[in-house]
């Protein structure tokens, strides 16, 4: 039997809102691709530009969205900033979404 007390409903509502914000932050093909890349380890912007084949300003813009949502963090590595996922759950969510989308494409 599930707990449906008012406190649990409010907590569930807050969790649902946070989950929706997470999904909103990931709701862009470039951000999905960035998360996939970072799921393999830390990357600098120039490495993401090369892997995604998009201009550096676009990668930086999407990294800013992911940073603002605390999905990625950066640390200085000499003259560059290396980005990493703050939580591997994000890599799993994106990986599952990509796998699901791929399955739906198959006849």
PDB file of N, CA and C in Angstrom:
ATOM      1  N   UNK A   1       0.850  -1.174   0.000  1.00  0.00           N
ATOM      2  CA  UNK A   1       0.000   0.000   0.000  1.00  0.00           C
ATOM      3  C   UNK A   1       0.895   1.236   0.000  1.00  0.00           C
ATOM      4  N   UNK A   2       0.583   2.234  -0.821  1.00  0.00           N
ATOM      5  CA  UNK A   2       1.419   3.429  -0.904  1.00  0.00           C
ATOM      6  C   UNK A   2       0.957   4.464   0.107  1.00  0.00           C
ATOM      7  N   UNK A   3       1.892   5.281   0.526  1.00  0.00           N
ATOM      8  CA  UNK A   3       1.619   6.356   1.475  1.00  0.00           C
ATOM      9  C   UNK A   3       1.106   7.560   0.692  1.00  0.00           C
ATOM     10  N   UNK A   4      -0.123   7.957   0.944  1.00  0.00           N
ATOM     11  CA  UNK A   4      -0.693   9.111   0.245  1.00  0.00           C
ATOM     12  C   UNK A   4      -1.034  10.226   1.218  1.00  0.00           C
ATOM     13  N   UNK A   5      -0.258  10.333   2.281  1.00  0.00           N
ATOM     14  CA  UNK A   5      -0.478  11.420   3.228  1.00  0.00           C
ATOM     15  C   UNK A   5      -0.195  12.750   2.539  1.00  0.00           C
ATOM     16  N   UNK A   6      -0.740  13.849   3.062  1.00  0.00           N
ATOM     17  CA  UNK A   6      -0.494  15.162   2.439  1.00  0.00           C
ATOM     18  C   UNK A   6       0.990  15.482   2.292  1.00  0.00           C
ATOM     19  N   UNK A   7       1.804  15.090   3.268  1.00  0.00           N
ATOM     20  CA  UNK A   7       3.242  15.357   3.187  1.00  0.00           C
ATOM     21  C   UNK A   7       3.861  14.609   2.016  1.00  0.00           C
ATOM     22  N   UNK A   8       3.465  13.359   1.819  1.00  0.00           N
ATOM     23  CA  UNK A   8       4.001  12.559   0.716  1.00  0.00           C
ATOM     24  C   UNK A   8       3.571  13.136  -0.623  1.00  0.00           C
ATOM     25  N   UNK A   9       2.313  13.570  -0.725  1.00  0.00           N
ATOM     26  CA  UNK A   9       1.818  14.148  -1.974  1.00  0.00           C
ATOM     27  C   UNK A   9       2.604  15.414  -2.313  1.00  0.00           C
ATOM     28  N   UNK A  10       2.860  16.267  -1.320  1.00  0.00           N
ATOM     29  CA  UNK A  10       3.635  17.490  -1.546  1.00  0.00           C
ATOM     30  C   UNK A  10       5.055  17.128  -1.956  1.00  0.00           C
ATOM     31  N   UNK A  11       5.658  16.154  -1.273  1.00  0.00           N
ATOM     32  CA  UNK A  11       7.022  15.724  -1.611  1.00  0.00           C
ATOM     33  C   UNK A  11       7.052  15.155  -3.019  1.00  0.00           C
ATOM     34  N   UNK A  12       6.061  14.341  -3.376  1.00  0.00           N
ATOM     35  CA  UNK A  12       5.993  13.789  -4.728  1.00  0.00           C
ATOM     36  C   UNK A  12       5.836  14.904  -5.753  1.00  0.00           C
ATOM     37  N   UNK A  13       5.021  15.880  -5.457  1.00  0.00           N
ATOM     38  CA  UNK A  13       4.810  17.003  -6.380  1.00  0.00           C
ATOM     39  C   UNK A  13       6.119  17.763  -6.597  1.00  0.00           C
ATOM     40  N   UNK A  14       6.858  17.984  -5.520  1.00  0.00           N
ATOM     41  CA  UNK A  14       8.147  18.677  -5.628  1.00  0.00           C
ATOM     42  C   UNK A  14       9.124  17.840  -6.456  1.00  0.00           C
ATOM     43  N   UNK A  15       9.150  16.540  -6.228  1.00  0.00           N
ATOM     44  CA  UNK A  15      10.032  15.652  -6.987  1.00  0.00           C
ATOM     45  C   UNK A  15       9.634  15.631  -8.454  1.00  0.00           C
ATOM     46  N   UNK A  16       8.336  15.633  -8.714  1.00  0.00           N
ATOM     47  CA  UNK A  16       7.861  15.642 -10.105  1.00  0.00           C
ATOM     48  C   UNK A  16       8.257  16.938 -10.793  1.00  0.00           C
ATOM     49  N   UNK A  17       8.161  18.037 -10.088  1.00  0.00           N
ATOM     50  CA  UNK A  17       8.578  19.324 -10.645  1.00  0.00           C
ATOM     51  C   UNK A  17      10.067  19.344 -10.951  1.00  0.00           C
ATOM     52  N   UNK A  18      10.862  18.813 -10.038  1.00  0.00           N
ATOM     53  CA  UNK A  18      12.313  18.760 -10.246  1.00  0.00           C
ATOM     54  C   UNK A  18      12.648  17.850 -11.425  1.00  0.00           C
ATOM     55  N   UNK A  19      11.939  16.747 -11.540  1.00  0.00           N
ATOM     56  CA  UNK A  19      12.162  15.838 -12.668  1.00  0.00           C
ATOM     57  C   UNK A  19      11.792  16.509 -13.986  1.00  0.00           C
ATOM     58  N   UNK A  20      10.718  17.272 -13.984  1.00  0.00           N
ATOM     59  CA  UNK A  20      10.316  17.988 -15.197  1.00  0.00           C
ATOM     60  C   UNK A  20      11.366  19.019 -15.590  1.00  0.00           C
ATOM     61  N   UNK A  21      11.954  19.704 -14.614  1.00  0.00           N
ATOM     62  CA  UNK A  21      13.022  20.668 -14.904  1.00  0.00           C
ATOM     63  C   UNK A  21      14.244  19.963 -15.494  1.00  0.00           C
ATOM     64  N   UNK A  22      14.581  18.808 -14.965  1.00  0.00           N
ATOM     65  CA  UNK A  22      15.692  18.021 -15.492  1.00  0.00           C
ATOM     66  C   UNK A  22      15.431  17.653 -16.948  1.00  0.00           C
ATOM     67  N   UNK A  23      14.242  17.150 -17.224  1.00  0.00           N
ATOM     68  CA  UNK A  23      13.908  16.753 -18.595  1.00  0.00           C
ATOM     69  C   UNK A  23      13.873  17.954 -19.534  1.00  0.00           C
ATOM     70  N   UNK A  24      13.427  19.098 -19.028  1.00  0.00           N
ATOM     71  CA  UNK A  24      13.410  20.315 -19.838  1.00  0.00           C
ATOM     72  C   UNK A  24      14.842  20.712 -20.212  1.00  0.00           C
ATOM     73  N   UNK A  25      15.757  20.588 -19.271  1.00  0.00           N
ATOM     74  CA  UNK A  25      17.162  20.934 -19.533  1.00  0.00           C
ATOM     75  C   UNK A  25      17.781  19.994 -20.556  1.00  0.00           C
ATOM     76  N   UNK A  26      17.294  18.779 -20.618  1.00  0.00           N
ATOM     77  CA  UNK A  26      17.838  17.789 -21.559  1.00  0.00           C
ATOM     78  C   UNK A  26      17.109  17.794 -22.903  1.00  0.00           C
ATOM     79  N   UNK A  27      16.069  18.584 -23.030  1.00  0.00           N
ATOM     80  CA  UNK A  27      15.192  18.543 -24.201  1.00  0.00           C
ATOM     81  C   UNK A  27      15.765  19.278 -25.408  1.00  0.00           C
ATOM     82  N   UNK A  28      16.974  18.915 -25.787  1.00  0.00           N
ATOM     83  CA  UNK A  28      17.605  19.477 -26.973  1.00  0.00           C
ATOM     84  C   UNK A  28      18.610  18.452 -27.489  1.00  0.00           C
ATOM     85  N   UNK A  29      18.608  18.156 -28.783  1.00  0.00           N
ATOM     86  CA  UNK A  29      19.530  17.140 -29.308  1.00  0.00           C
ATOM     87  C   UNK A  29      20.999  17.426 -29.029  1.00  0.00           C
ATOM     88  N   UNK A  30      21.391  18.703 -29.029  1.00  0.00           N
ATOM     89  CA  UNK A  30      22.791  19.030 -28.744  1.00  0.00           C
ATOM     90  C   UNK A  30      23.143  18.732 -27.289  1.00  0.00           C
ATOM     91  N   UNK A  31      22.209  19.039 -26.384  1.00  0.00           N
ATOM     92  CA  UNK A  31      22.478  18.763 -24.969  1.00  0.00           C
ATOM     93  C   UNK A  31      22.494  17.265 -24.714  1.00  0.00           C
ATOM     94  N   UNK A  32      21.627  16.523 -25.384  1.00  0.00           N
ATOM     95  CA  UNK A  32      21.663  15.057 -25.271  1.00  0.00           C
ATOM     96  C   UNK A  32      23.018  14.539 -25.737  1.00  0.00           C
ATOM     97  N   UNK A  33      23.497  15.037 -26.867  1.00  0.00           N
ATOM     98  CA  UNK A  33      24.788  14.593 -27.409  1.00  0.00           C
ATOM     99  C   UNK A  33      25.929  14.960 -26.451  1.00  0.00           C
ATOM    100  N   UNK A  34      25.863  16.132 -25.835  1.00  0.00           N
ATOM    101  CA  UNK A  34      26.887  16.530 -24.871  1.00  0.00           C
ATOM    102  C   UNK A  34      26.890  15.575 -23.681  1.00  0.00           C
ATOM    103  N   UNK A  35      25.720  15.246 -23.169  1.00  0.00           N
ATOM    104  CA  UNK A  35      25.639  14.327 -22.033  1.00  0.00           C
ATOM    105  C   UNK A  35      26.170  12.957 -22.417  1.00  0.00           C
ATOM    106  N   UNK A  36      25.856  12.498 -23.629  1.00  0.00           N
ATOM    107  CA  UNK A  36      26.389  11.206 -24.084  1.00  0.00           C
ATOM    108  C   UNK A  36      27.910  11.250 -24.074  1.00  0.00           C
ATOM    109  N   UNK A  37      28.489  12.307 -24.625  1.00  0.00           N
ATOM    110  CA  UNK A  37      29.952  12.443 -24.654  1.00  0.00           C
ATOM    111  C   UNK A  37      30.533  12.483 -23.245  1.00  0.00           C
ATOM    112  N   UNK A  38      29.917  13.267 -22.366  1.00  0.00           N
ATOM    113  CA  UNK A  38      30.433  13.384 -21.005  1.00  0.00           C
ATOM    114  C   UNK A  38      30.216  12.099 -20.212  1.00  0.00           C
ATOM    115  N   UNK A  39      29.281  11.275 -20.654  1.00  0.00           N
ATOM    116  CA  UNK A  39      29.085   9.974 -20.021  1.00  0.00           C
ATOM    117  C   UNK A  39      30.292   9.072 -20.191  1.00  0.00           C
ATOM    118  N   UNK A  40      31.130   9.382 -21.183  1.00  0.00           N
ATOM    119  CA  UNK A  40      32.349   8.609 -21.431  1.00  0.00           C
ATOM    120  C   UNK A  40      33.548   9.197 -20.684  1.00  0.00           C
ATOM    121  N   UNK A  41      33.371  10.335 -20.039  1.00  0.00           N
ATOM    122  CA  UNK A  41      34.458  10.956 -19.283  1.00  0.00           C
ATOM    123  C   UNK A  41      34.519  12.441 -19.546  1.00  0.00           C
ATOM    124  N   UNK A  42      35.427  13.116 -18.836  1.00  0.00           N
ATOM    125  CA  UNK A  42      35.508  14.563 -18.964  1.00  0.00           C
ATOM    126  C   UNK A  42      35.967  14.967 -20.361  1.00  0.00           C
ATOM    127  N   UNK A  43      35.450  16.115 -20.800  1.00  0.00           N
ATOM    128  CA  UNK A  43      35.783  16.647 -22.113  1.00  0.00           C
ATOM    129  C   UNK A  43      35.926  18.163 -22.010  1.00  0.00           C
ATOM    130  N   UNK A  44      36.847  18.701 -22.780  1.00  0.00           N
ATOM    131  CA  UNK A  44      36.977  20.146 -22.936  1.00  0.00           C
ATOM    132  C   UNK A  44      36.063  20.580 -24.076  1.00  0.00           C
ATOM    133  N   UNK A  45      35.796  21.870 -24.149  1.00  0.00           N
ATOM    134  CA  UNK A  45      34.892  22.392 -25.173  1.00  0.00           C
ATOM    135  C   UNK A  45      35.366  21.997 -26.568  1.00  0.00           C
ATOM    136  N   UNK A  46      36.666  22.134 -26.846  1.00  0.00           N
ATOM    137  CA  UNK A  46      37.139  21.814 -28.200  1.00  0.00           C
ATOM    138  C   UNK A  46      36.922  20.335 -28.527  1.00  0.00           C
ATOM    139  N   UNK A  47      36.971  19.462 -27.528  1.00  0.00           N
ATOM    140  CA  UNK A  47      36.700  18.041 -27.762  1.00  0.00           C
ATOM    141  C   UNK A  47      35.220  17.815 -28.065  1.00  0.00           C
ATOM    142  N   UNK A  48      34.356  18.549 -27.383  1.00  0.00           N
ATOM    143  CA  UNK A  48      32.922  18.448 -27.652  1.00  0.00           C
ATOM    144  C   UNK A  48      32.585  19.008 -29.028  1.00  0.00           C
ATOM    145  N   UNK A  49      33.227  20.120 -29.395  1.00  0.00           N
ATOM    146  CA  UNK A  49      33.024  20.709 -30.722  1.00  0.00           C
ATOM    147  C   UNK A  49      33.383  19.684 -31.796  1.00  0.00           C
ATOM    148  N   UNK A  50      34.521  19.043 -31.628  1.00  0.00           N
ATOM    149  CA  UNK A  50      34.974  18.045 -32.601  1.00  0.00           C
ATOM    150  C   UNK A  50      34.026  16.847 -32.648  1.00  0.00           C
ATOM    151  N   UNK A  51      33.610  16.349 -31.498  1.00  0.00           N
ATOM    152  CA  UNK A  51      32.747  15.166 -31.441  1.00  0.00           C
ATOM    153  C   UNK A  51      31.355  15.440 -32.007  1.00  0.00           C
ATOM    154  N   UNK A  52      30.826  16.641 -31.741  1.00  0.00           N
ATOM    155  CA  UNK A  52      29.465  16.959 -32.176  1.00  0.00           C
ATOM    156  C   UNK A  52      29.413  17.580 -33.559  1.00  0.00           C
ATOM    157  N   UNK A  53      30.529  18.160 -34.008  1.00  0.00           N
ATOM    158  CA  UNK A  53      30.554  18.796 -35.321  1.00  0.00           C
ATOM    159  C   UNK A  53      29.728  20.062 -35.388  1.00  0.00           C
ATOM    160  N   UNK A  54      29.677  20.804 -34.279  1.00  0.00           N
ATOM    161  CA  UNK A  54      28.938  22.069 -34.240  1.00  0.00           C
ATOM    162  C   UNK A  54      29.875  23.174 -33.761  1.00  0.00           C
ATOM    163  N   UNK A  55      29.532  24.431 -34.015  1.00  0.00           N
ATOM    164  CA  UNK A  55      30.415  25.540 -33.631  1.00  0.00           C
ATOM    165  C   UNK A  55      30.592  25.662 -32.117  1.00  0.00           C
ATOM    166  N   UNK A  56      31.748  26.175 -31.722  1.00  0.00           N
ATOM    167  CA  UNK A  56      32.085  26.343 -30.309  1.00  0.00           C
ATOM    168  C   UNK A  56      31.062  27.194 -29.552  1.00  0.00           C
ATOM    169  N   UNK A  57      30.586  28.319 -30.113  1.00  0.00           N
ATOM    170  CA  UNK A  57      29.597  29.106 -29.355  1.00  0.00           C
ATOM    171  C   UNK A  57      28.327  28.313 -29.035  1.00  0.00           C
ATOM    172  N   UNK A  58      27.921  27.428 -29.947  1.00  0.00           N
ATOM    173  CA  UNK A  58      26.728  26.617 -29.714  1.00  0.00           C
ATOM    174  C   UNK A  58      26.966  25.619 -28.582  1.00  0.00           C
ATOM    175  N   UNK A  59      28.135  24.981 -28.585  1.00  0.00           N
ATOM    176  CA  UNK A  59      28.472  24.047 -27.501  1.00  0.00           C
ATOM    177  C   UNK A  59      28.501  24.791 -26.173  1.00  0.00           C
ATOM    178  N   UNK A  60      29.130  25.960 -26.152  1.00  0.00           N
ATOM    179  CA  UNK A  60      29.211  26.743 -24.913  1.00  0.00           C
ATOM    180  C   UNK A  60      27.831  27.149 -24.408  1.00  0.00           C
ATOM    181  N   UNK A  61      26.952  27.525 -25.328  1.00  0.00           N
ATOM    182  CA  UNK A  61      25.584  27.905 -24.950  1.00  0.00           C
ATOM    183  C   UNK A  61      24.871  26.734 -24.278  1.00  0.00           C
ATOM    184  N   UNK A  62      24.995  25.546 -24.852  1.00  0.00           N
ATOM    185  CA  UNK A  62      24.317  24.381 -24.285  1.00  0.00           C
ATOM    186  C   UNK A  62      24.967  23.925 -22.981  1.00  0.00           C
ATOM    187  N   UNK A  63      26.284  24.060 -22.884  1.00  0.00           N
ATOM    188  CA  UNK A  63      26.952  23.759 -21.618  1.00  0.00           C
ATOM    189  C   UNK A  63      26.462  24.693 -20.516  1.00  0.00           C
ATOM    190  N   UNK A  64      26.212  25.937 -20.855  1.00  0.00           N
ATOM    191  CA  UNK A  64      25.711  26.896 -19.865  1.00  0.00           C
ATOM    192  C   UNK A  64      24.358  26.437 -19.316  1.00  0.00           C
ATOM    193  N   UNK A  65      23.469  25.974 -20.196  1.00  0.00           N
ATOM    194  CA  UNK A  65      22.163  25.473 -19.745  1.00  0.00           C
ATOM    195  C   UNK A  65      22.358  24.287 -18.801  1.00  0.00           C
ATOM    196  N   UNK A  66      23.229  23.354 -19.185  1.00  0.00           N
ATOM    197  CA  UNK A  66      23.481  22.176 -18.358  1.00  0.00           C
ATOM    198  C   UNK A  66      24.143  22.555 -17.030  1.00  0.00           C
ATOM    199  N   UNK A  67      25.036  23.539 -17.066  1.00  0.00           N
ATOM    200  CA  UNK A  67      25.671  24.020 -15.823  1.00  0.00           C
ATOM    201  C   UNK A  67      24.642  24.693 -14.924  1.00  0.00           C
ATOM    202  N   UNK A  68      23.792  25.531 -15.511  1.00  0.00           N
ATOM    203  CA  UNK A  68      22.770  26.238 -14.729  1.00  0.00           C
ATOM    204  C   UNK A  68      21.848  25.258 -14.008  1.00  0.00           C
ATOM    205  N   UNK A  69      21.618  24.111 -14.610  1.00  0.00           N
ATOM    206  CA  UNK A  69      20.775  23.076 -13.990  1.00  0.00           C
ATOM    207  C   UNK A  69      21.587  22.118 -13.124  1.00  0.00           C
ATOM    208  N   UNK A  70      22.869  22.413 -12.979  1.00  0.00           N
ATOM    209  CA  UNK A  70      23.803  21.614 -12.167  1.00  0.00           C
ATOM    210  C   UNK A  70      23.916  20.170 -12.655  1.00  0.00           C
ATOM    211  N   UNK A  71      23.813  19.985 -13.959  1.00  0.00           N
ATOM    212  CA  UNK A  71      23.976  18.657 -14.552  1.00  0.00           C
ATOM    213  C   UNK A  71      25.417  18.407 -14.948  1.00  0.00           C
ATOM    214  N   UNK A  72      26.162  19.484 -15.204  1.00  0.00           N
ATOM    215  CA  UNK A  72      27.588  19.380 -15.500  1.00  0.00           C
ATOM    216  C   UNK A  72      28.336  20.406 -14.662  1.00  0.00           C
ATOM    217  N   UNK A  73      29.604  20.125 -14.458  1.00  0.00           N
ATOM    218  CA  UNK A  73      30.468  21.097 -13.788  1.00  0.00           C
ATOM    219  C   UNK A  73      31.781  21.145 -14.551  1.00  0.00           C
ATOM    220  N   UNK A  74      32.484  22.236 -14.380  1.00  0.00           N
ATOM    221  CA  UNK A  74      33.750  22.411 -15.070  1.00  0.00           C
ATOM    222  C   UNK A  74      34.865  22.675 -14.087  1.00  0.00           C
ATOM    223  N   UNK A  75      36.047  22.217 -14.459  1.00  0.00           N
ATOM    224  CA  UNK A  75      37.233  22.526 -13.654  1.00  0.00           C
ATOM    225  C   UNK A  75      38.341  22.937 -14.599  1.00  0.00           C
ATOM    226  N   UNK A  76      39.103  23.904 -14.162  1.00  0.00           N
ATOM    227  CA  UNK A  76      40.173  24.433 -14.991  1.00  0.00           C
ATOM    228  C   UNK A  76      41.251  23.371 -15.155  1.00  0.00           C
ATOM    229  N   UNK A  77      41.683  23.208 -16.418  1.00  0.00           N
ATOM    230  CA  UNK A  77      42.760  22.279 -16.768  1.00  0.00           C
ATOM    231  C   UNK A  77      43.721  23.066 -17.649  1.00  0.00           C
ATOM    232  N   UNK A  78      44.658  23.775 -16.995  1.00  0.00           N
ATOM    233  CA  UNK A  78      45.539  24.671 -17.744  1.00  0.00           C
ATOM    234  C   UNK A  78      44.732  25.836 -18.274  1.00  0.00           C
ATOM    235  N   UNK A  79      44.766  26.017 -19.596  1.00  0.00           N
ATOM    236  CA  UNK A  79      44.027  27.118 -20.226  1.00  0.00           C
ATOM    237  C   UNK A  79      42.618  26.711 -20.613  1.00  0.00           C
ATOM    238  N   UNK A  80      42.264  25.458 -20.398  1.00  0.00           N
ATOM    239  CA  UNK A  80      40.954  24.941 -20.791  1.00  0.00           C
ATOM    240  C   UNK A  80      40.116  24.620 -19.566  1.00  0.00           C
ATOM    241  N   UNK A  81      38.849  24.410 -19.814  1.00  0.00           N
ATOM    242  CA  UNK A  81      37.940  23.941 -18.771  1.00  0.00           C
ATOM    243  C   UNK A  81      37.464  22.562 -19.192  1.00  0.00           C
ATOM    244  N   UNK A  82      37.640  21.594 -18.289  1.00  0.00           N
ATOM    245  CA  UNK A  82      37.180  20.232 -18.545  1.00  0.00           C
ATOM    246  C   UNK A  82      35.816  20.062 -17.867  1.00  0.00           C
ATOM    247  N   UNK A  83      34.843  19.568 -18.621  1.00  0.00           N
ATOM    248  CA  UNK A  83      33.481  19.385 -18.115  1.00  0.00           C
ATOM    249  C   UNK A  83      33.232  17.928 -17.790  1.00  0.00           C
ATOM    250  N   UNK A  84      32.472  17.710 -16.728  1.00  0.00           N
ATOM    251  CA  UNK A  84      32.075  16.365 -16.304  1.00  0.00           C
ATOM    252  C   UNK A  84      30.609  16.404 -15.891  1.00  0.00           C
ATOM    253  N   UNK A  85      29.971  15.243 -15.932  1.00  0.00           N
ATOM    254  CA  UNK A  85      28.617  15.122 -15.409  1.00  0.00           C
ATOM    255  C   UNK A  85      28.695  15.173 -13.888  1.00  0.00           C
ATOM    256  N   UNK A  86      27.758  15.857 -13.277  1.00  0.00           N
ATOM    257  CA  UNK A  86      27.749  15.927 -11.819  1.00  0.00           C
ATOM    258  C   UNK A  86      27.125  14.685 -11.202  1.00  0.00           C
ATOM    259  N   UNK A  87      26.401  13.930 -12.020  1.00  0.00           N
ATOM    260  CA  UNK A  87      25.681  12.769 -11.512  1.00  0.00           C
ATOM    261  C   UNK A  87      25.524  11.762 -12.648  1.00  0.00           C
ATOM    262  N   UNK A  88      25.943  10.541 -12.434  1.00  0.00           N
ATOM    263  CA  UNK A  88      25.842   9.522 -13.486  1.00  0.00           C
ATOM    264  C   UNK A  88      24.401   9.129 -13.785  1.00  0.00           C
ATOM    265  N   UNK A  89      23.451   9.493 -12.922  1.00  0.00           N
ATOM    266  CA  UNK A  89      22.044   9.224 -13.227  1.00  0.00           C
ATOM    267  C   UNK A  89      21.647   9.897 -14.536  1.00  0.00           C
ATOM    268  N   UNK A  90      22.195  11.080 -14.767  1.00  0.00           N
ATOM    269  CA  UNK A  90      21.873  11.824 -15.994  1.00  0.00           C
ATOM    270  C   UNK A  90      22.328  11.028 -17.220  1.00  0.00           C
ATOM    271  N   UNK A  91      23.507  10.432 -17.156  1.00  0.00           N
ATOM    272  CA  UNK A  91      23.998   9.608 -18.266  1.00  0.00           C
ATOM    273  C   UNK A  91      23.066   8.428 -18.501  1.00  0.00           C
ATOM    274  N   UNK A  92      22.566   7.833 -17.424  1.00  0.00           N
ATOM    275  CA  UNK A  92      21.653   6.692 -17.568  1.00  0.00           C
ATOM    276  C   UNK A  92      20.316   7.118 -18.168  1.00  0.00           C
ATOM    277  N   UNK A  93      19.797   8.259 -17.718  1.00  0.00           N
ATOM    278  CA  UNK A  93      18.526   8.765 -18.254  1.00  0.00           C
ATOM    279  C   UNK A  93      18.653   9.006 -19.749  1.00  0.00           C
ATOM    280  N   UNK A  94      19.715   9.690 -20.153  1.00  0.00           N
ATOM    281  CA  UNK A  94      19.924  10.001 -21.570  1.00  0.00           C
ATOM    282  C   UNK A  94      20.191   8.717 -22.353  1.00  0.00           C
ATOM    283  N   UNK A  95      21.002   7.831 -21.805  1.00  0.00           N
ATOM    284  CA  UNK A  95      21.278   6.566 -22.484  1.00  0.00           C
ATOM    285  C   UNK A  95      20.017   5.756 -22.711  1.00  0.00           C
ATOM    286  N   UNK A  96      19.156   5.696 -21.699  1.00  0.00           N
ATOM    287  CA  UNK A  96      17.887   4.978 -21.843  1.00  0.00           C
ATOM    288  C   UNK A  96      16.982   5.654 -22.875  1.00  0.00           C
ATOM    289  N   UNK A  97      16.967   6.981 -22.884  1.00  0.00           N
ATOM    290  CA  UNK A  97      16.133   7.707 -23.855  1.00  0.00           C
ATOM    291  C   UNK A  97      16.616   7.454 -25.281  1.00  0.00           C
ATOM    292  N   UNK A  98      17.933   7.483 -25.484  1.00  0.00           N
ATOM    293  CA  UNK A  98      18.494   7.230 -26.811  1.00  0.00           C
ATOM    294  C   UNK A  98      18.196   5.790 -27.225  1.00  0.00           C
ATOM    295  N   UNK A  99      18.377   4.837 -26.319  1.00  0.00           N
ATOM    296  CA  UNK A  99      18.087   3.431 -26.635  1.00  0.00           C
ATOM    297  C   UNK A  99      16.613   3.262 -26.978  1.00  0.00           C
ATOM    298  N   UNK A 100      15.739   3.905 -26.221  1.00  0.00           N
ATOM    299  CA  UNK A 100      14.302   3.807 -26.492  1.00  0.00           C
ATOM    300  C   UNK A 100      13.976   4.387 -27.865  1.00  0.00           C
ATOM    301  N   UNK A 101      14.545   5.543 -28.174  1.00  0.00           N
ATOM    302  CA  UNK A 101      14.292   6.183 -29.473  1.00  0.00           C
ATOM    303  C   UNK A 101      14.792   5.297 -30.609  1.00  0.00           C
ATOM    304  N   UNK A 102      15.920   4.654 -30.404  1.00  0.00           N
ATOM    305  CA  UNK A 102      16.475   3.756 -31.428  1.00  0.00           C
ATOM    306  C   UNK A 102      15.565   2.554 -31.615  1.00  0.00           C
ATOM    307  N   UNK A 103      15.049   1.989 -30.540  1.00  0.00           N
ATOM    308  CA  UNK A 103      14.134   0.849 -30.631  1.00  0.00           C
ATOM    309  C   UNK A 103      12.875   1.218 -31.395  1.00  0.00           C
ATOM    310  N   UNK A 104      12.357   2.423 -31.174  1.00  0.00           N
ATOM    311  CA  UNK A 104      11.126   2.854 -31.830  1.00  0.00           C
ATOM    312  C   UNK A 104      11.321   3.023 -33.334  1.00  0.00           C
ATOM    313  N   UNK A 105      12.563   3.286 -33.752  1.00  0.00           N
ATOM    314  CA  UNK A 105      12.842   3.483 -35.182  1.00  0.00           C
ATOM    315  C   UNK A 105      12.864   2.171 -35.945  1.00  0.00           C
ATOM    316  N   UNK A 106      13.127   1.076 -35.232  1.00  0.00           N
ATOM    317  CA  UNK A 106      13.239  -0.216 -35.904  1.00  0.00           C
ATOM    318  C   UNK A 106      11.852  -0.763 -36.210  1.00  0.00           C
ATOM    319  N   UNK A 107      11.699  -1.434 -37.361  1.00  0.00           N
ATOM    320  CA  UNK A 107      10.366  -1.956 -37.718  1.00  0.00           C
ATOM    321  C   UNK A 107       9.903  -3.065 -36.823  1.00  0.00           C
TER     322      UNK A 107
END
